[in-house]
């Protein structure tokens, strides 16, 4: 948010509220793909952000991070 021109307190609060809202939605037990579809308007801001994440292979990066953490956890016993 700060890089996009928002004041740091506003950017921080938006980040916190976004994560809080996502966690509350996931706590309903509904499938994440269903929840994502509900908040993603065709041509909207969420859709644009998701396209950017996919283009940057963020899904693969998270999968790699989880795999690395899992492997290290096994090493540590």
Foldseek 3Di string as FASTA:
>chain_A
DVVVPDPPVVVVVVVVVVVVVLVVVVVVVDDPVVVLVVPDDVVDDSVVVVVVCVVVVVVVVVVVVVVVVVVVVVVVD
